[in-house]
Amino acid sequence: MTLKPKLTQPDPQDWQMLEQIAEIDRQAFGEDGISVFNLSQFARCGAVYCLALGPFVVAEAVLLRKFQDSGAVVFGFAVEKSHQQRGYGTALIGELARTAAESGISYLELT
């Protein structure tokens, strides 16, 4: 049985999940990645999204609403290295677009 990835937003105190997300960010962006502390703060605001296969995070992104208009910026978008080329990035951006539209965000800007 193959697990289907599930879009989730981590609890700001779920340090195990936040560490997984931070590690994916480090893989993608090196030392410029988002720290666990910052991820916890973003999670408190509902801005952290990830795709999880059971307890394992395979892709992550931070969605930041813009103040100037009804758009949002997708920040720190990355897929865990051993799970790349399997459609998880496509699935995550699709889920982000759906979630954004449902919350009144009219467009996404990628960094």
Protein backbone atom coordinates (compact mmCIF):
# COMPACT_ATOMS: atom_id res chain seq x y z
CA MET A 1 0.00 0.00 0.00
CA THR A 2 1.40 3.37 -1.03
CA LEU A 3 0.84 6.31 1.29
CA LYS A 4 -0.70 9.38 -0.28
CA PRO A 5 1.01 12.62 0.76
CA LYS A 6 -1.11 14.80 3.01
CA LEU A 7 -0.97 18.60 3.19
CA THR A 8 -0.46 19.62 6.79
CA GLN A 9 0.45 22.63 8.88
CA PRO A 10 2.77 21.80 11.77
CA ASP A 11 2.04 22.73 15.34
CA PRO A 12 4.47 25.48 16.42
CA GLN A 13 5.67 23.20 19.25
CA ASP A 14 6.10 20.03 17.14
CA TRP A 15 9.89 20.24 17.22
CA GLN A 16 10.34 16.88 15.47
CA MET A 17 8.32 17.97 12.45
CA LEU A 18 9.84 21.47 12.45
CA GLU A 19 13.34 19.93 12.48
CA GLN A 20 12.43 17.80 9.45
CA ILE A 21 11.21 20.91 7.65
CA ALA A 22 14.36 22.84 8.61
CA GLU A 23 16.52 19.98 7.30
CA ILE A 24 14.73 20.02 3.94
CA ASP A 25 15.26 23.78 3.82
CA ARG A 26 18.99 23.32 4.63
CA GLN A 27 19.31 20.73 1.86
CA ALA A 28 17.88 23.22 -0.62
CA PHE A 29 19.34 26.51 0.60
CA GLY A 30 22.37 25.64 2.76
CA GLU A 31 23.06 27.83 5.76
CA ASP A 32 20.63 30.42 4.39
CA GLY A 33 17.74 28.06 5.14
CA ILE A 34 15.00 28.76 7.67
CA SER A 35 15.87 27.82 11.26
CA VAL A 36 13.63 25.74 13.52
CA PHE A 37 13.08 28.84 15.68
CA ASN A 38 11.88 30.89 12.70
CA LEU A 39 9.75 28.02 11.43
CA SER A 40 8.06 27.85 14.83
CA GLN A 41 7.22 31.56 14.58
CA PHE A 42 5.89 31.14 11.02
CA ALA A 43 3.85 28.12 12.16
CA ARG A 44 2.25 30.24 14.91
CA CYS A 45 0.92 32.47 12.13
CA GLY A 46 -0.31 29.53 10.02
CA ALA A 47 2.24 30.19 7.28
CA VAL A 48 4.07 26.81 7.20
CA TYR A 49 2.78 24.06 4.94
CA CYS A 50 4.23 20.65 4.24
CA LEU A 51 3.45 17.41 2.51
CA ALA A 52 3.83 14.43 4.81
CA LEU A 53 3.89 10.71 4.19
CA GLY A 54 2.80 9.46 7.57
CA PRO A 55 5.23 11.01 10.08
CA PHE A 56 7.78 11.97 7.40
CA VAL A 57 7.86 15.40 5.75
CA VAL A 58 8.74 15.21 2.04
CA ALA A 59 8.15 18.83 0.93
CA GLU A 60 7.75 22.21 2.59
CA ALA A 61 6.95 25.83 1.94
CA VAL A 62 6.12 29.02 3.79
CA LEU A 63 3.22 31.07 2.43
CA LEU A 64 3.43 34.78 3.31
CA ARG A 65 0.46 37.03 2.56
CA LYS A 66 1.28 40.38 1.00
CA PHE A 67 0.02 43.55 2.67
CA GLN A 68 -0.05 45.58 -0.55
CA ASP A 69 -2.70 43.48 -2.31
CA SER A 70 -4.43 40.10 -2.28
CA GLY A 71 -1.38 38.07 -3.28
CA ALA A 72 1.04 35.88 -1.37
CA VAL A 73 4.69 34.89 -1.64
CA VAL A 74 5.75 31.23 -1.57
CA PHE A 75 8.98 31.26 0.41
CA GLY A 76 11.41 28.41 1.12
CA PHE A 77 9.70 25.91 -1.23
CA ALA A 78 11.69 22.65 -1.27
CA VAL A 79 11.39 18.87 -1.60
CA GLU A 80 13.50 16.47 0.48
CA LYS A 81 16.37 15.22 -1.71
CA SER A 82 15.51 11.51 -1.59
CA HIS A 83 11.92 12.29 -2.62
CA GLN A 84 12.62 14.58 -5.57
CA GLN A 85 11.37 13.77 -9.08
CA ARG A 86 8.28 12.01 -7.71
CA GLY A 87 5.71 14.78 -8.17
CA TYR A 88 5.74 16.00 -4.56
CA GLY A 89 6.72 19.55 -5.52
CA THR A 90 3.92 19.66 -8.09
CA ALA A 91 1.48 18.28 -5.51
CA LEU A 92 2.55 20.83 -2.90
CA ILE A 93 2.25 23.83 -5.22
CA GLY A 94 -1.16 22.57 -6.33
CA GLU A 95 -2.34 22.27 -2.72
CA LEU A 96 -0.93 25.72 -1.91
CA ALA A 97 -2.76 27.22 -4.89
CA ARG A 98 -6.03 25.56 -3.83
CA THR A 99 -5.62 26.62 -0.18
CA ALA A 100 -4.69 30.17 -1.22
CA ALA A 101 -7.70 30.54 -3.49
CA GLU A 102 -10.01 29.27 -0.73
CA SER A 103 -8.65 31.93 1.63
CA GLY A 104 -9.03 34.83 -0.81
CA ILE A 105 -5.47 34.99 -2.12
CA SER A 106 -5.66 35.93 -5.81
CA TYR A 107 -2.13 34.98 -6.90
CA LEU A 108 1.07 33.33 -5.73
CA GLU A 109 4.52 34.77 -6.30
CA LEU A 110 7.49 32.39 -6.13
CA THR A 111 10.81 33.52 -4.66
